[in-house]
Protein backbone atom coordinates (compact mmCIF):
# COMPACT_ATOMS: atom_id res chain seq x y z
CA UNK A 1 29.71 -4.72 -2.62
CA UNK A 2 27.63 -2.39 -0.32
CA UNK A 3 25.81 0.49 -1.68
CA UNK A 4 26.67 4.09 -0.50
CA UNK A 5 24.00 6.66 0.37
CA UNK A 6 24.79 9.77 -1.89
CA UNK A 7 22.69 12.56 -0.59
CA UNK A 8 23.25 14.58 -3.90
CA UNK A 9 21.34 12.33 -5.84
CA UNK A 10 18.08 13.38 -4.17
CA UNK A 11 18.41 16.83 -6.09
CA UNK A 12 19.94 15.45 -9.12
CA UNK A 13 17.09 13.42 -9.63
CA UNK A 14 14.92 16.56 -10.40
CA UNK A 15 17.22 17.34 -13.30
CA UNK A 16 18.40 13.85 -14.44
CA UNK A 17 15.34 11.45 -15.41
CA UNK A 18 17.78 8.68 -15.88
CA UNK A 19 17.96 8.47 -11.84
CA UNK A 20 14.40 7.58 -11.63
CA UNK A 21 14.36 3.94 -10.44
CA UNK A 22 12.50 1.99 -12.92
CA UNK A 23 10.44 4.91 -13.97
CA UNK A 24 8.62 4.52 -10.65
CA UNK A 25 8.83 8.13 -9.70
CA UNK A 26 6.88 8.93 -12.84
CA UNK A 27 4.12 6.30 -12.34
CA UNK A 28 3.73 7.40 -8.47
CA UNK A 29 2.73 10.89 -9.97
CA UNK A 30 -0.06 9.17 -12.06
CA UNK A 31 -1.98 7.94 -8.78
CA UNK A 32 -4.55 10.51 -9.17
CA UNK A 33 -5.04 9.80 -12.78
CA UNK A 34 -5.41 6.11 -11.79
CA UNK A 35 -8.08 6.97 -9.28
CA UNK A 36 -10.37 8.71 -12.07
CA UNK A 37 -9.55 6.55 -14.96
CA UNK A 38 -10.28 3.15 -13.00
CA UNK A 39 -13.52 4.89 -11.73
CA UNK A 40 -14.50 5.49 -15.56
CA UNK A 41 -13.47 1.82 -16.25
CA UNK A 42 -15.52 0.33 -13.66
CA UNK A 43 -18.75 2.33 -14.53
CA UNK A 44 -18.33 1.05 -17.96
CA UNK A 45 -18.07 -2.40 -16.81
CA UNK A 46 -21.76 -3.25 -16.08
CA UNK A 47 -21.20 -3.53 -12.23
CA UNK A 48 -25.07 -3.08 -11.68
CA UNK A 49 -25.43 -6.88 -12.57
CA UNK A 50 -23.76 -7.59 -9.32
CA UNK A 51 -26.82 -6.31 -7.57
CA UNK A 52 -29.36 -8.76 -9.04
CA UNK A 53 -28.67 -11.35 -6.39
CA UNK A 54 -28.77 -8.71 -3.35
CA UNK A 55 -26.21 -8.59 -0.57
CA UNK A 56 -23.60 -11.48 -0.70
CA UNK A 57 -22.56 -13.55 2.38
CA UNK A 58 -19.04 -12.30 1.92
CA UNK A 59 -16.76 -10.79 -0.30
CA UNK A 60 -13.49 -12.60 -1.20
CA UNK A 61 -10.76 -10.75 -3.02
CA UNK A 62 -8.37 -13.21 -4.79
CA UNK A 63 -4.83 -12.04 -6.02
CA UNK A 64 -1.17 -11.94 -5.33
CA UNK A 65 1.03 -9.13 -4.45
CA UNK A 66 -0.35 -5.70 -5.12
CA UNK A 67 -3.53 -7.24 -6.06
CA UNK A 68 -3.85 -8.82 -2.63
CA UNK A 69 -2.96 -5.61 -0.92
CA UNK A 70 -5.71 -4.14 -2.79
CA UNK A 71 -8.07 -6.47 -0.99
CA UNK A 72 -6.62 -5.56 2.18
CA UNK A 73 -7.27 -1.79 1.57
CA UNK A 74 -10.82 -2.68 0.84
CA UNK A 75 -11.52 -4.46 4.06
CA UNK A 76 -9.67 -1.46 5.99
CA UNK A 77 -11.72 1.33 4.17
CA UNK A 78 -14.93 -0.54 4.65
CA UNK A 79 -14.45 -0.63 8.25
CA UNK A 80 -15.78 -2.60 11.37
CA UNK A 81 -19.22 -1.54 10.56
CA UNK A 82 -19.35 -3.50 7.27
CA UNK A 83 -22.28 -5.62 7.11
CA UNK A 84 -20.46 -8.68 5.37
CA UNK A 85 -16.95 -10.24 5.75
CA UNK A 86 -14.41 -9.24 3.63
CA UNK A 87 -11.42 -11.64 3.04
CA UNK A 88 -8.02 -11.67 0.92
CA UNK A 89 -7.03 -15.05 -0.48
CA UNK A 90 -3.40 -14.72 -1.51
CA UNK A 91 -2.42 -18.19 -2.06
CA UNK A 92 -3.25 -20.96 -4.71
CA UNK A 93 -6.26 -22.47 -2.67
CA UNK A 94 -9.77 -21.24 -2.56
CA UNK A 95 -11.03 -21.80 1.03
CA UNK A 96 -13.59 -24.76 1.27
CA UNK A 97 -16.52 -22.31 2.57
CA UNK A 98 -16.57 -20.34 -0.48
CA UNK A 99 -19.60 -20.98 -2.66
CA UNK A 100 -22.53 -19.65 -4.43
CA UNK A 101 -23.67 -17.00 -1.44
CA UNK A 102 -20.23 -15.12 -1.88
CA UNK A 103 -18.80 -12.64 -4.23
CA UNK A 104 -15.34 -13.50 -5.61
CA UNK A 105 -13.34 -10.84 -7.02
CA UNK A 106 -10.43 -11.88 -8.85
CA UNK A 107 -7.74 -9.00 -9.53
CA UNK A 108 -4.66 -9.51 -11.49
CA UNK A 109 -2.21 -6.42 -11.91
CA UNK A 110 -0.66 -7.84 -15.03
CA UNK A 111 -1.39 -10.50 -17.73
CA UNK A 112 1.83 -12.20 -17.06
CA UNK A 113 2.90 -15.50 -15.49
CA UNK A 114 2.42 -14.33 -11.83
CA UNK A 115 -1.31 -13.90 -12.54
CA UNK A 116 -1.59 -17.72 -13.49
CA UNK A 117 -2.49 -18.60 -10.00
CA UNK A 118 -4.98 -16.05 -9.70
CA UNK A 119 -6.51 -17.38 -12.75
CA UNK A 120 -6.76 -20.67 -11.56
CA UNK A 121 -8.40 -19.73 -8.20
CA UNK A 122 -10.68 -17.67 -10.23
CA UNK A 123 -11.88 -20.65 -12.30
CA UNK A 124 -12.52 -22.73 -9.04
CA UNK A 125 -14.98 -19.89 -7.82
CA UNK A 126 -16.81 -20.10 -10.90
CA UNK A 127 -17.02 -23.81 -10.85
CA UNK A 128 -18.20 -23.70 -7.39
CA UNK A 129 -21.11 -21.18 -8.67
CA UNK A 130 -19.75 -18.14 -6.83
CA UNK A 131 -20.82 -14.80 -7.91
CA UNK A 132 -17.92 -13.48 -9.78
CA UNK A 133 -16.16 -10.09 -10.87
CA UNK A 134 -12.67 -9.67 -12.40
CA UNK A 135 -10.22 -6.76 -12.59
CA UNK A 136 -7.07 -6.77 -14.91
CA UNK A 137 -5.63 -5.58 -17.94
CA UNK A 138 -7.06 -5.58 -21.26
CA UNK A 139 -7.03 -9.19 -22.78
CA UNK A 140 -5.68 -10.64 -19.45
CA UNK A 141 -6.53 -14.39 -18.63
CA UNK A 142 -8.92 -13.22 -16.20
CA UNK A 143 -11.16 -11.59 -18.81
CA UNK A 144 -11.78 -14.93 -20.52
CA UNK A 145 -12.94 -16.62 -17.21
CA UNK A 146 -15.23 -13.70 -16.67
CA UNK A 147 -16.78 -13.82 -20.36
CA UNK A 148 -17.40 -17.62 -19.68
CA UNK A 149 -18.97 -16.88 -16.29
CA UNK A 150 -21.15 -14.08 -18.01
CA UNK A 151 -19.45 -11.78 -15.21
CA UNK A 152 -18.45 -8.25 -15.34
CA UNK A 153 -14.78 -7.52 -16.16
CA UNK A 154 -13.17 -4.16 -15.27
CA UNK A 155 -10.26 -3.54 -17.69
CA UNK A 156 -7.27 -1.61 -16.13
CA UNK A 157 -7.05 1.70 -18.04
CA UNK A 158 -3.15 1.86 -17.10
CA UNK A 159 -0.36 -0.26 -17.38
CA UNK A 160 2.69 -0.20 -15.37
CA UNK A 161 4.49 -1.67 -12.45
CA UNK A 162 1.92 -3.32 -10.26
CA UNK A 163 2.88 -2.01 -6.92
CA UNK A 164 2.75 1.45 -8.44
CA UNK A 165 -0.76 1.01 -9.62
CA UNK A 166 -2.40 0.31 -6.22
CA UNK A 167 -5.35 2.79 -6.87
CA UNK A 168 -6.12 1.45 -10.17
CA UNK A 169 -6.90 -1.92 -8.56
CA UNK A 170 -8.62 -0.34 -5.28
CA UNK A 171 -11.12 1.94 -6.78
CA UNK A 172 -13.16 -0.82 -8.88
CA UNK A 173 -13.22 -2.89 -5.76
CA UNK A 174 -14.77 -0.09 -3.98
CA UNK A 175 -17.34 0.87 -6.65
CA UNK A 176 -18.26 -2.94 -6.92
CA UNK A 177 -18.91 -3.36 -3.05
CA UNK A 178 -21.29 -0.11 -3.43
CA UNK A 179 -23.29 -1.87 -6.18
CA UNK A 180 -24.01 -4.72 -4.02
CA UNK A 181 -25.34 -2.83 -0.99
CA UNK A 182 -22.43 -3.33 1.14
CA UNK A 183 -21.12 0.33 1.46
CA UNK A 184 -21.31 3.07 -1.12
CA UNK A 185 -18.43 5.10 -1.74
CA UNK A 186 -19.66 8.67 -2.49
CA UNK A 187 -18.31 10.07 -6.01
CA UNK A 188 -17.12 13.02 -4.19
CA UNK A 189 -14.85 11.09 -2.02
CA UNK A 190 -13.16 9.40 -4.86
CA UNK A 191 -12.51 12.77 -6.41
CA UNK A 192 -11.15 14.16 -3.33
CA UNK A 193 -8.58 11.35 -3.18
CA UNK A 194 -7.61 12.13 -6.73
CA UNK A 195 -7.15 15.67 -5.90
CA UNK A 196 -5.24 14.78 -2.47
CA UNK A 197 -3.00 12.56 -4.55
CA UNK A 198 -2.06 14.98 -7.17
CA UNK A 199 -1.11 17.33 -4.02
CA UNK A 200 1.22 14.88 -2.68
CA UNK A 201 2.92 14.44 -6.01
CA UNK A 202 3.23 18.14 -6.48
CA UNK A 203 4.94 18.36 -3.01
CA UNK A 204 6.82 15.36 -3.54
CA UNK A 205 8.09 16.13 -7.02
CA UNK A 206 11.58 15.29 -8.03
CA UNK A 207 12.48 18.96 -8.69
CA UNK A 208 11.46 20.02 -4.90
CA UNK A 209 14.55 20.41 -3.07
CA UNK A 210 15.02 18.14 -0.19
CA UNK A 211 14.35 20.56 2.66
CA UNK A 212 10.99 21.46 0.93
CA UNK A 213 10.29 17.62 -0.13
CA UNK A 214 8.67 15.66 2.87
CA UNK A 215 9.46 12.59 0.90
CA UNK A 216 13.11 13.31 0.40
CA UNK A 217 13.30 14.47 4.03
CA UNK A 218 11.89 11.19 5.25
CA UNK A 219 14.26 9.31 3.01
CA UNK A 220 17.13 11.19 4.08
CA UNK A 221 16.13 10.30 7.80
CA UNK A 222 15.71 6.70 7.22
CA UNK A 223 19.16 6.27 5.53
CA UNK A 224 21.43 3.94 7.52
CA UNK A 225 18.80 3.08 10.21
CA UNK A 226 16.55 0.06 10.68
CA UNK A 227 13.10 1.85 10.42
CA UNK A 228 10.29 0.43 12.60
CA UNK A 229 6.95 1.97 11.16
CA UNK A 230 4.16 1.90 13.56
CA UNK A 231 0.49 2.76 13.29
CA UNK A 232 -2.39 2.90 16.00
CA UNK A 233 -5.60 2.99 13.53
CA UNK A 234 -6.41 0.35 10.82
CA UNK A 235 -5.72 2.88 8.33
CA UNK A 236 -2.15 4.08 9.64
CA UNK A 237 -1.47 0.23 10.60
CA UNK A 238 -2.09 -0.70 6.78
CA UNK A 239 0.16 2.11 5.62
CA UNK A 240 3.00 0.97 7.89
CA UNK A 241 2.87 -2.54 6.57
CA UNK A 242 2.98 -0.83 2.89
CA UNK A 243 5.91 1.49 3.87
CA UNK A 244 7.77 -1.70 4.86
CA UNK A 245 6.95 -3.47 1.74
CA UNK A 246 7.64 -0.71 -0.51
CA UNK A 247 11.03 -0.02 1.01
CA UNK A 248 12.23 -3.70 0.34
CA UNK A 249 10.61 -3.71 -3.17
CA UNK A 250 11.85 -0.22 -4.18
CA UNK A 251 15.22 0.47 -2.33
CA UNK A 252 15.93 -3.23 -1.22
CA UNK A 253 15.92 -1.91 2.27
CA UNK A 254 14.83 -3.73 5.39
CA UNK A 255 12.11 -2.44 7.65
CA UNK A 256 9.60 -3.77 10.41
CA UNK A 257 5.99 -2.86 10.62
CA UNK A 258 3.65 -2.99 13.67
CA UNK A 259 0.52 -1.67 15.05
CA UNK A 260 -0.88 -0.93 18.56
CA UNK A 261 -1.37 -2.60 20.96
CA UNK A 262 0.39 -5.59 19.32
CA UNK A 263 3.84 -3.88 19.30
CA UNK A 264 3.97 -3.83 23.06
CA UNK A 265 4.50 -7.72 23.15
CA UNK A 266 7.46 -7.87 20.55
CA UNK A 267 8.44 -4.68 18.76
CA UNK A 268 8.85 -2.08 21.66
CA UNK A 269 11.00 -4.47 23.32
CA UNK A 270 13.74 -3.84 20.58
CA UNK A 271 13.88 -0.11 21.69
CA UNK A 272 16.26 -1.19 24.41
CA UNK A 273 18.11 -3.80 22.50
CA UNK A 274 21.39 -3.75 20.86
CA UNK A 275 20.02 -1.56 17.78
CA UNK A 276 18.20 0.72 20.24
CA UNK A 277 19.66 1.36 23.46
CA UNK A 278 23.35 1.89 22.33
CA UNK A 279 22.32 4.21 19.70
CA UNK A 280 22.78 7.92 19.32
CA UNK A 281 21.51 9.99 22.29
CA UNK A 282 21.49 13.41 20.52
CA UNK A 283 21.94 15.02 17.07
CA UNK A 284 25.82 15.50 17.88
CA UNK A 285 26.27 11.63 18.17
CA UNK A 286 27.51 9.73 15.25
CA UNK A 287 25.61 6.42 14.53
CA UNK A 288 28.39 5.56 12.28
CA UNK A 289 31.35 5.57 14.73
CA UNK A 290 29.10 3.17 17.14
CA UNK A 291 29.16 0.51 14.30
CA UNK A 292 26.13 -0.45 12.15
CA UNK A 293 22.54 0.67 11.69
CA UNK A 294 20.37 1.71 14.69
CA UNK A 295 16.65 1.89 15.06
CA UNK A 296 14.46 4.65 13.87
CA UNK A 297 10.78 4.82 14.65
CA UNK A 298 8.40 6.05 11.99
CA UNK A 299 4.93 7.03 13.46
CA UNK A 300 2.33 7.21 11.04
CA UNK A 301 -0.55 9.37 12.68
CA UNK A 302 -4.32 9.30 11.91
CA UNK A 303 -6.32 11.88 13.76
CA UNK A 304 -9.33 9.30 13.84
CA UNK A 305 -7.66 7.31 16.36
CA UNK A 306 -9.79 6.50 19.45
CA UNK A 307 -8.37 7.55 22.81
CA UNK A 308 -7.05 4.22 23.49
CA UNK A 309 -5.14 4.03 20.29
CA UNK A 310 -3.66 7.49 20.94
CA UNK A 311 -2.81 6.24 24.33
CA UNK A 312 -0.94 3.22 23.05
CA UNK A 313 0.99 5.15 20.42
CA UNK A 314 2.08 7.95 22.74
CA UNK A 315 3.25 5.46 25.16
CA UNK A 316 5.28 3.69 22.38
CA UNK A 317 6.70 7.10 21.37
CA UNK A 318 7.79 8.00 25.04
CA UNK A 319 9.72 4.56 25.32
CA UNK A 320 11.31 5.50 22.12
CA UNK A 321 12.44 8.87 23.33
CA UNK A 322 13.62 7.19 26.75
CA UNK A 323 15.78 4.67 24.81
CA UNK A 324 17.39 7.39 22.40
CA UNK A 325 15.63 6.18 19.38
CA UNK A 326 14.98 8.85 16.90
CA UNK A 327 11.36 9.23 15.76
CA UNK A 328 10.11 10.45 12.53
CA UNK A 329 6.10 11.18 11.96
CA UNK A 330 4.02 11.32 8.94
CA UNK A 331 0.41 12.58 9.40
CA UNK A 332 -2.62 11.50 7.44
CA UNK A 333 -4.41 14.26 5.50
CA UNK A 334 -8.19 14.37 4.47
CA UNK A 335 -11.59 13.42 5.98
CA UNK A 336 -12.64 10.18 4.93
CA UNK A 337 -10.49 7.00 5.24
CA UNK A 338 -9.88 6.62 1.65
CA UNK A 339 -8.21 10.12 1.71
CA UNK A 340 -6.53 9.74 4.80
CA UNK A 341 -4.85 6.14 3.89
CA UNK A 342 -4.01 7.68 0.19
CA UNK A 343 -2.04 10.51 1.96
CA UNK A 344 0.13 8.04 4.05
CA UNK A 345 0.88 5.68 1.21
CA UNK A 346 1.48 8.43 -1.40
CA UNK A 347 4.15 10.19 0.86
CA UNK A 348 5.73 7.15 2.18
CA UNK A 349 5.86 5.50 -1.29
CA UNK A 350 7.65 8.51 -2.51
CA UNK A 351 10.23 8.03 0.38
CA UNK A 352 11.14 4.54 -0.56
CA UNK A 353 11.67 5.62 -4.16
CA UNK A 354 13.96 8.48 -3.05
CA UNK A 355 15.89 6.22 -0.71
CA UNK A 356 16.42 3.89 -3.74
CA UNK A 357 17.68 7.03 -5.69
CA UNK A 358 20.32 7.79 -2.96
CA UNK A 359 21.47 4.43 -2.79
CA UNK A 360 21.51 3.83 -6.46
CA UNK A 361 19.61 0.84 -5.78
CA UNK A 362 17.56 -1.00 -8.54
CA UNK A 363 13.89 -1.80 -7.78
CA UNK A 364 12.95 -5.48 -7.69
CA UNK A 365 11.22 -6.60 -10.70
CA UNK A 366 8.17 -8.79 -10.85
CA UNK A 367 10.06 -12.27 -11.55
CA UNK A 368 8.80 -15.27 -10.58
CA UNK A 369 11.06 -17.30 -8.31
CA UNK A 370 11.34 -20.91 -9.53
CA UNK A 371 11.59 -23.14 -6.49
């Protein structure tokens, strides 16, 4: 049986905690606290030992799911000017080139079965003599590997659903690469990100009515459509991928994600396809009468885009308007890349949860698929 979008739930969630899908709205509100507590845990983990051997050839982040995404966040925040290569390994095999000149950071958001693959890859990295750091829950399987390798271990200060713990995973990675001379993240940037996340949590809180809540408004606009989230800068493009992932995991809702200029080769063509060109042409048209979902373009804006990136996104927006595809926009806030990415992710994470609320969809749990 298909789920119906029930808009009244968006306002009822403010008075009925039982509507909070899996308690994830409450966990989303802890993002600012995650930043501060993770920074504190990292400072107590003896990361200075990483600096003894100087700068590594590369930084390899090993993990699955949310932990792997934390590695991608690290690479984007370090940017193109990073003096060492940053790789994320999400599978069960460590690349053959990884060895003693590389720093391997194994990350596990939980101590359950889903961390077993990460633990095996981590053990292989230690066997090869790689420099090593582990991040995970208290007493998790990575803690023992770090102890045997006499390597630092950052014990996660907060427990919860892994995809709601992104900043608890990211902050130790950022602080670690600062210790090895890759790039130092100023303490004021970390604190500014925590403050910004608290501001987004306040604006997107469950008790805020839909018209005053940007996340609820975005969820309302996405309902009944096939969202295509696009970004032009690395920060915005990563946030677009996060939105598509969170819509699937939180609301069981499909979405596409893309970035410029690559979207010109594939996704832009769909604007004039069966879900785009025949869609509503004005606010008076009813997409339901047309039968089925229609496309909606979600543009993730970043004011640090280059002139070429701005031009690409503007061209994509024009094509959407010409095809009659409605457009929603989310603009990044803050100065540094950490703040800008956090602002985009926080608001769109909330939107995915409010879409789950309105559809009464239960978020997917972290169960291992048996093949």
